[in-house]
Amino acid sequence: MSLLRVVHTTSFDYTDAVTASYNEARMTPVDDARQVVRGAHVDVRPHTWTDSYRDYWGTEVTIFEVLRPHERLDIVATATVEVASGGPARSGAGWDVLGGEEASDAHSPFLAETPTTAVPDDVAALALETAAGLDPDDAAEAVCLAVRDRLEYVAGVTTVHSPAADAWAAREGVCQDMAHLGIGALRSVGIPARYVSGYLLPQSDAAVGEAVHGESHAWLEWWAGQWVGYDPTNRRFVGEDHVVIGRGREYADVPPLKGVFAGAGASSLDVTVEMTRLA
């Protein structure tokens, strides 16, 4: 069990004054069996009203608008979260459980192909070959590793909206590409899988009270009788250094921030994540 504080700061600087800005932020951690939110708030500057709701996928969304001229917008999301180890989990469920009508109905959104998670035929063939003879949990881990081992982690090759097929063609990508490819490969063999957006403490040995540069991160969860978190980028199960913000079919269901603004000119973006182990 670990207690983590996360400070996620997003800043926009505009070349000309913006007259209005309308936004929604998904930056509040999930409160569930694996992690307990001890406190969380989202601050916006210029100061304005905020409200929140839970979207279809269960992610808390903070909405706000700034209706006076401004040349800079800062969103600072701060949270303190108690996180338990996800650990490798085995349900013992067989392929008959995954193929059953009840499981198919309950998890149909996480079995359906989407434009971003659709994988090329050779990825589907690799997944089928890798899963052969294994139970669903072992097959899921093996498929994730098989896909990951064929990709090199390289930033700048894709964007958050790039389809998984682009990263596969380049054999390069970052965390959301590896999550999308793993999800698509798992779905192709009948294993429900969903996209997870959150934060990763990159220094697992960081001292208590030491603030370190954290990361916005993406991984996946598969279902084989129960949901299991797996980080394909780092080739390991989710642990006490992973903080979940939201879950969905793909990145488009859980973007940290999206919105529109009115006014001429362009904007520049700066994002930082600071994480501190409190206990």
Foldseek 3Di string as FASTA:
>chain_A
DFKKKKKKKKKKFFPFWFQKWWKKFLADFDDDDFKHWPDKDKAKPVGWDWDWDADPQGFIMIITMDRGIDRMMMIIIITIMFGAFLDQDDPPFAVCVLPDPVNCVVQVQQLDDDQQLAEDPVLLVLLVVQQPPHGLSVSLLSSLQVLLVQADEDPPQDDQRHHLHSRNVVSYYHQQSSQSPSSNNSSSVRWGKKKWWWKFDPDPPDDAPDKDWIDTGIWMWTDRPHTWTARSNVSGGGTRRTTTRGMGNGCVVHPRMDIDTHDDGDMDMDITMIMGTND
